């Protein structure tokens, strides 16, 4: 049985079959690489630069973003910056960053298809996780509301029964 158990990926095994706790992957270097490639694609098309070189404005913005990313409150498990709830670049830089990431999307698919597809899948994963989290919160609130309403009905029923006995 041990041989066949090893053929099953760990994520599909029962909890007691896995030997060690989940390991966290460091997402920061991958995210920085994706952002750098997106900036290069954007700067090449909008500011007439070549290759990996960036114009001074894009270089300054990229340096600011990388500095802020290294101080991210989520640490190595940070979500992708496009989908983060607490973007830490400042209002003006956030807007510029999102504009650059949106504008470079289609060109990224042509120049760096693997990176673009992985990033898109990660975006969908983050969106799905957020949706599940919001659904769970809504479900909990709904169950609390129903429990409160049931408690009120029970109280009213007891009051009515108390009045009938008198």
Protein backbone atom coordinates (compact mmCIF):
# COMPACT_ATOMS: atom_id res chain seq x y z
CA UNK A 1 0.00 0.00 0.00
CA UNK A 2 2.92 2.38 0.67
CA UNK A 3 4.03 2.30 -2.96
CA UNK A 4 0.61 3.36 -4.25
CA UNK A 5 0.29 6.04 -1.58
CA UNK A 6 3.48 7.66 -2.84
CA UNK A 7 1.98 7.89 -6.33
CA UNK A 8 -0.86 10.10 -5.05
CA UNK A 9 0.13 13.79 -4.84
CA UNK A 10 0.29 15.01 -1.23
CA UNK A 11 -2.49 17.54 -1.67
CA UNK A 12 -4.93 14.67 -2.42
CA UNK A 13 -3.90 12.46 0.51
CA UNK A 14 -5.68 12.38 3.82
CA UNK A 15 -4.38 14.77 6.47
CA UNK A 16 -2.72 12.05 8.59
CA UNK A 17 -0.81 10.70 5.56
CA UNK A 18 1.19 13.88 5.03
CA UNK A 19 4.40 13.86 7.05
CA UNK A 20 5.31 17.53 7.39
CA UNK A 21 3.41 20.81 7.56
CA UNK A 22 2.89 22.96 4.49
CA UNK A 23 5.87 25.00 3.39
CA UNK A 24 5.47 28.62 2.38
CA UNK A 25 6.88 29.71 -0.94
CA UNK A 26 8.63 33.05 -1.23
CA UNK A 27 6.50 34.88 -3.81
CA UNK A 28 8.45 38.15 -3.74
CA UNK A 29 11.23 37.34 -6.27
CA UNK A 30 8.72 35.93 -8.77
CA UNK A 31 6.48 38.98 -8.37
CA UNK A 32 9.42 41.37 -8.76
CA UNK A 33 10.50 39.59 -11.94
CA UNK A 34 6.97 39.83 -13.40
CA UNK A 35 6.72 43.53 -12.54
CA UNK A 36 10.14 44.25 -14.02
CA UNK A 37 9.19 42.50 -17.27
CA UNK A 38 5.88 44.37 -17.39
CA UNK A 39 7.62 47.69 -16.88
CA UNK A 40 10.12 46.87 -19.65
CA UNK A 41 7.31 45.99 -22.07
CA UNK A 42 5.40 49.18 -21.17
CA UNK A 43 8.45 51.44 -21.35
CA UNK A 44 9.56 49.94 -24.69
CA UNK A 45 6.18 50.66 -26.26
CA UNK A 46 5.44 54.06 -24.68
CA UNK A 47 8.85 55.66 -24.11
CA UNK A 48 10.86 54.20 -27.03
CA UNK A 49 13.43 52.30 -24.99
CA UNK A 50 15.07 49.04 -26.04
CA UNK A 51 15.32 45.68 -24.28
CA UNK A 52 15.37 45.69 -20.49
CA UNK A 53 16.35 49.38 -20.27
CA UNK A 54 13.82 51.75 -18.77
CA UNK A 55 13.38 55.50 -18.99
CA UNK A 56 14.26 57.54 -15.86
CA UNK A 57 10.62 57.92 -14.77
CA UNK A 58 9.91 54.19 -15.03
CA UNK A 59 13.21 53.37 -13.32
CA UNK A 60 12.37 55.66 -10.40
CA UNK A 61 8.86 54.21 -10.06
CA UNK A 62 10.20 50.65 -10.27
CA UNK A 63 12.82 51.37 -7.59
CA UNK A 64 10.14 52.82 -5.31
CA UNK A 65 7.88 49.83 -5.85
CA UNK A 66 10.67 47.31 -5.18
CA UNK A 67 11.65 49.15 -1.99
CA UNK A 68 8.05 49.14 -0.77
CA UNK A 69 7.57 45.49 -1.77
CA UNK A 70 10.50 44.43 0.39
CA UNK A 71 8.70 46.03 3.36
CA UNK A 72 5.34 44.42 2.56
CA UNK A 73 3.31 43.58 5.65
CA UNK A 74 2.49 40.12 4.25
CA UNK A 75 6.16 39.12 4.03
CA UNK A 76 7.09 36.26 1.74
CA UNK A 77 3.48 35.08 1.42
CA UNK A 78 2.33 38.34 -0.12
CA UNK A 79 -0.39 38.31 -2.76
CA UNK A 80 0.25 39.80 -6.16
CA UNK A 81 0.35 43.57 -5.96
CA UNK A 82 -2.49 44.11 -8.47
CA UNK A 83 -4.92 42.32 -6.15
CA UNK A 84 -3.61 43.40 -2.76
CA UNK A 85 -6.10 45.01 -0.38
CA UNK A 86 -3.49 47.35 1.13
CA UNK A 87 -1.32 48.67 -1.66
CA UNK A 88 1.69 50.29 -0.10
CA UNK A 89 3.11 52.45 -2.90
CA UNK A 90 1.16 55.65 -2.16
CA UNK A 91 -1.88 56.93 -4.07
CA UNK A 92 -0.07 58.46 -7.07
CA UNK A 93 2.33 55.54 -7.43
CA UNK A 94 -0.52 53.02 -7.05
CA UNK A 95 -2.37 54.64 -9.94
CA UNK A 96 0.75 54.72 -12.15
CA UNK A 97 1.59 51.13 -11.24
CA UNK A 98 -1.88 49.84 -12.05
CA UNK A 99 -1.95 51.80 -15.32
CA UNK A 100 1.39 50.30 -16.36
CA UNK A 101 0.34 46.77 -15.42
CA UNK A 102 -2.95 47.12 -17.33
CA UNK A 103 -1.31 48.68 -20.40
CA UNK A 104 1.41 46.03 -20.62
CA UNK A 105 -0.98 43.06 -20.30
CA UNK A 106 -1.52 42.21 -23.98
CA UNK A 107 2.08 42.89 -24.98
CA UNK A 108 3.31 40.71 -22.10
CA UNK A 109 1.41 37.82 -23.63
CA UNK A 110 3.45 38.22 -26.83
CA UNK A 111 6.88 38.90 -25.29
CA UNK A 112 6.74 36.78 -22.12
CA UNK A 113 3.85 34.32 -22.59
CA UNK A 114 4.71 31.93 -19.74
CA UNK A 115 5.10 34.75 -17.22
CA UNK A 116 1.88 36.41 -18.41
CA UNK A 117 -0.15 33.21 -18.17
CA UNK A 118 1.23 32.35 -14.72
CA UNK A 119 0.44 35.87 -13.52
CA UNK A 120 -3.10 35.68 -14.92
CA UNK A 121 -3.67 32.31 -13.24
CA UNK A 122 -2.38 33.74 -9.97
CA UNK A 123 -4.77 36.69 -10.33
CA UNK A 124 -7.68 34.31 -10.82
CA UNK A 125 -6.56 32.31 -7.81
CA UNK A 126 -6.44 35.42 -5.62
CA UNK A 127 -9.84 36.54 -6.91
CA UNK A 128 -11.29 33.10 -6.18
CA UNK A 129 -9.81 33.05 -2.67
CA UNK A 130 -11.20 36.52 -1.94
CA UNK A 131 -14.62 35.48 -3.25
CA UNK A 132 -14.61 32.36 -1.04
CA UNK A 133 -13.55 34.46 1.94
CA UNK A 134 -16.35 36.98 1.30
CA UNK A 135 -18.87 34.13 0.86
CA UNK A 136 -17.76 32.58 4.17
CA UNK A 137 -18.11 35.92 5.96
CA UNK A 138 -21.56 36.48 4.45
CA UNK A 139 -22.61 32.95 5.42
CA UNK A 140 -21.46 33.48 9.02
CA UNK A 141 -23.33 36.79 9.24
CA UNK A 142 -26.45 35.18 7.79
CA UNK A 143 -26.31 32.32 10.32
CA UNK A 144 -25.84 34.83 13.16
CA UNK A 145 -28.84 36.81 11.92
CA UNK A 146 -30.97 33.67 11.72
CA UNK A 147 -29.90 32.55 15.20
CA UNK A 148 -30.75 35.97 16.61
CA UNK A 149 -34.16 35.94 14.92
CA UNK A 150 -34.85 32.42 16.27
CA UNK A 151 -33.89 33.55 19.77
CA UNK A 152 -36.28 36.51 19.52
CA UNK A 153 -39.10 34.20 18.34
CA UNK A 154 -38.45 31.85 21.26
CA UNK A 155 -38.58 34.75 23.71
CA UNK A 156 -41.86 35.98 22.23
CA UNK A 157 -43.31 32.46 22.33
CA UNK A 158 -42.38 32.16 26.03
CA UNK A 159 -44.02 35.52 26.75
CA UNK A 160 -47.21 34.41 25.01
CA UNK A 161 -47.23 31.08 26.89
CA UNK A 162 -46.67 32.92 30.18
CA UNK A 163 -49.68 35.17 29.50
CA UNK A 164 -51.88 32.16 28.63
CA UNK A 165 -51.08 30.41 31.95
CA UNK A 166 -52.24 33.45 33.96
